[in-house]
């Protein structure tokens, strides 16, 4: 069996598994998951969405951030079996037909990344904020990003990128 999503038919005999039906980046998915599998593991290992990074595996660094039902969450500490019926957006779900989302474009334009490991989590936290708050204050941006750690950029470029995306620049 490939590393891509196992289906219900593939796991029909799996004992202790949970049926998971959810929308990922607008695509309906249904699979069986183990009770210990995190949402990050399912996204990366079963659905082949590698943009979601696993850094600390304890919800401290924010590299695994995805948007779950409109809110930014650390997917490494979110059990996959608890999110059935939910809508999940990952970094891969932001671009449309090969065109980057305005937030992704702003991160490129303002250099809001260096090594890139934290970038998808930063963008997803900012995306959740901008989906709920069209013109956030500096404090609101900082609060939205407080769960994301970047060891490379010093945050100035990241804050510039979020401000520019919010302004529609």
Protein backbone atom coordinates (compact mmCIF):
# COMPACT_ATOMS: atom_id res chain seq x y z
CA UNK A 1 0.00 0.00 0.00
CA UNK A 2 1.28 3.47 -0.84
CA UNK A 3 1.94 6.23 1.69
CA UNK A 4 -1.04 8.09 0.25
CA UNK A 5 -4.39 7.95 2.07
CA UNK A 6 -5.61 4.53 3.02
CA UNK A 7 -9.27 4.19 2.31
CA UNK A 8 -12.05 2.59 4.32
CA UNK A 9 -11.82 -0.48 2.05
CA UNK A 10 -8.08 -0.81 2.70
CA UNK A 11 -8.61 -0.70 6.48
CA UNK A 12 -11.90 -2.59 6.71
CA UNK A 13 -10.38 -5.12 9.10
CA UNK A 14 -8.49 -2.65 11.27
CA UNK A 15 -9.62 -2.99 14.88
CA UNK A 16 -9.68 0.11 17.05
CA UNK A 17 -9.68 2.45 14.09
CA UNK A 18 -11.93 5.46 13.79
CA UNK A 19 -13.78 6.51 10.68
CA UNK A 20 -12.75 10.01 9.69
CA UNK A 21 -14.72 12.03 7.16
CA UNK A 22 -13.63 15.61 6.64
CA UNK A 23 -13.04 18.26 4.03
CA UNK A 24 -9.37 18.99 3.36
CA UNK A 25 -8.68 21.99 1.14
CA UNK A 26 -12.20 21.68 -0.24
CA UNK A 27 -11.91 17.97 -1.04
CA UNK A 28 -14.05 15.48 0.85
CA UNK A 29 -11.91 12.72 2.35
CA UNK A 30 -12.87 9.58 4.20
CA UNK A 31 -10.42 7.19 5.84
CA UNK A 32 -9.82 5.15 8.95
CA UNK A 33 -7.36 6.49 11.49
CA UNK A 34 -5.77 5.04 14.55
CA UNK A 35 -6.78 6.56 17.91
CA UNK A 36 -3.23 7.86 18.50
CA UNK A 37 -2.73 9.55 15.10
CA UNK A 38 -2.48 13.30 15.10
CA UNK A 39 -4.07 15.42 12.43
CA UNK A 40 -0.56 16.43 11.32
CA UNK A 41 0.41 12.77 10.84
CA UNK A 42 -2.72 12.07 8.82
CA UNK A 43 -2.22 15.15 6.65
CA UNK A 44 1.44 14.39 5.99
CA UNK A 45 1.57 10.61 5.92
CA UNK A 46 -1.86 9.58 4.68
CA UNK A 47 -2.95 12.51 2.52
CA UNK A 48 0.56 13.45 1.31
CA UNK A 49 0.17 17.12 2.30
CA UNK A 50 3.77 17.78 3.34
CA UNK A 51 3.46 21.54 3.78
CA UNK A 52 2.27 20.96 7.34
CA UNK A 53 5.51 20.54 9.31
CA UNK A 54 6.04 18.64 12.55
CA UNK A 55 8.61 20.45 14.65
CA UNK A 56 8.22 20.03 18.39
CA UNK A 57 5.32 17.51 18.30
CA UNK A 58 3.96 19.17 21.44
CA UNK A 59 2.09 22.24 20.15
CA UNK A 60 4.80 24.71 21.15
CA UNK A 61 6.41 25.81 17.86
CA UNK A 62 3.43 26.33 15.53
CA UNK A 63 5.07 24.75 12.46
CA UNK A 64 2.12 22.34 12.23
CA UNK A 65 -0.57 25.05 12.24
CA UNK A 66 -3.57 24.45 10.00
CA UNK A 67 -6.98 26.09 9.91
CA UNK A 68 -9.65 23.84 11.42
CA UNK A 69 -13.22 25.07 11.06
CA UNK A 70 -11.96 28.65 10.74
CA UNK A 71 -9.48 28.64 13.64
CA UNK A 72 -5.73 28.13 13.68
CA UNK A 73 -4.79 24.93 15.53
CA UNK A 74 -1.61 22.99 16.18
CA UNK A 75 -2.29 19.83 14.22
CA UNK A 76 0.46 17.86 15.96
CA UNK A 77 -1.56 17.81 19.20
CA UNK A 78 -4.98 17.48 17.59
CA UNK A 79 -6.10 13.87 17.45
CA UNK A 80 -7.38 13.07 13.97
CA UNK A 81 -10.22 10.97 15.37
CA UNK A 82 -11.70 14.10 16.98
CA UNK A 83 -12.11 16.18 13.80
CA UNK A 84 -14.59 14.15 11.76
CA UNK A 85 -17.02 16.43 9.97
CA UNK A 86 -14.59 19.35 10.07
CA UNK A 87 -13.11 21.56 7.39
CA UNK A 88 -9.32 21.70 7.30
CA UNK A 89 -7.23 24.09 5.26
CA UNK A 90 -3.50 23.51 4.87
CA UNK A 91 -0.89 25.66 3.16
CA UNK A 92 -1.52 23.66 -0.04
CA UNK A 93 -5.15 24.80 0.01
CA UNK A 94 -4.38 28.51 -0.25
CA UNK A 95 -3.11 28.69 -3.82
CA UNK A 96 -5.61 28.49 -6.66
CA UNK A 97 -4.68 27.11 -10.08
CA UNK A 98 -0.98 27.72 -9.43
CA UNK A 99 -1.52 31.29 -8.22
CA UNK A 100 -0.37 32.08 -4.71
CA UNK A 101 -2.78 33.54 -2.18
CA UNK A 102 -2.19 37.24 -1.35
CA UNK A 103 -0.69 36.24 2.00
CA UNK A 104 1.73 33.80 0.39
CA UNK A 105 2.69 36.49 -2.14
CA UNK A 106 3.29 38.99 0.66
CA UNK A 107 5.59 36.54 2.47
CA UNK A 108 7.63 36.22 -0.73
CA UNK A 109 7.63 39.96 -1.43
CA UNK A 110 8.65 40.98 2.11
CA UNK A 111 11.04 38.08 2.76
CA UNK A 112 8.92 36.66 5.55
CA UNK A 113 10.91 33.43 5.51
CA UNK A 114 14.46 32.16 5.41
CA UNK A 115 14.81 28.43 5.98
CA UNK A 116 11.06 28.03 5.44
CA UNK A 117 10.35 25.47 8.15
CA UNK A 118 8.00 27.72 10.11
CA UNK A 119 6.53 29.49 7.09
CA UNK A 120 3.47 27.33 6.47
CA UNK A 121 2.46 27.57 10.13
CA UNK A 122 2.99 31.34 10.17
CA UNK A 123 0.94 31.77 7.02
CA UNK A 124 -1.89 29.57 8.29
CA UNK A 125 -2.06 31.47 11.60
CA UNK A 126 -2.14 34.76 9.70
CA UNK A 127 -4.71 33.35 7.26
CA UNK A 128 -7.04 32.44 10.15
CA UNK A 129 -6.64 35.96 11.54
CA UNK A 130 -7.30 37.69 8.21
CA UNK A 131 -10.33 35.47 7.59
CA UNK A 132 -11.88 36.74 10.80
CA UNK A 133 -10.43 40.26 11.03
CA UNK A 134 -10.11 42.20 7.78
CA UNK A 135 -8.01 45.07 9.13
CA UNK A 136 -6.15 43.76 12.19
CA UNK A 137 -4.14 45.99 14.47
CA UNK A 138 -0.45 45.38 15.09
CA UNK A 139 -1.35 43.82 18.45
CA UNK A 140 -3.92 41.50 16.86
CA UNK A 141 -1.32 40.32 14.34
CA UNK A 142 1.23 39.70 17.08
CA UNK A 143 -1.31 37.82 19.21
CA UNK A 144 -2.33 35.65 16.22
CA UNK A 145 1.31 34.74 15.57
CA UNK A 146 2.39 34.30 19.19
CA UNK A 147 2.19 30.51 18.98
CA UNK A 148 4.57 30.38 16.00
CA UNK A 149 8.32 30.32 16.50
CA UNK A 150 10.78 31.46 13.84
CA UNK A 151 14.50 31.16 14.53
CA UNK A 152 15.66 32.85 11.32
CA UNK A 153 13.84 36.05 10.40
CA UNK A 154 13.48 38.05 13.59
CA UNK A 155 9.74 38.49 12.82
CA UNK A 156 9.93 42.00 11.30
CA UNK A 157 9.49 40.73 7.75
CA UNK A 158 6.71 38.38 8.83
CA UNK A 159 4.78 41.23 10.45
CA UNK A 160 5.32 43.39 7.34
CA UNK A 161 3.98 40.61 5.12
CA UNK A 162 0.84 40.15 7.22
CA UNK A 163 0.21 43.90 7.32
CA UNK A 164 0.64 44.12 3.54
CA UNK A 165 -1.71 41.19 2.91
CA UNK A 166 -4.29 42.75 5.24
CA UNK A 167 -4.04 46.02 3.33
CA UNK A 168 -4.50 44.16 0.06
CA UNK A 169 -1.07 45.20 -1.18
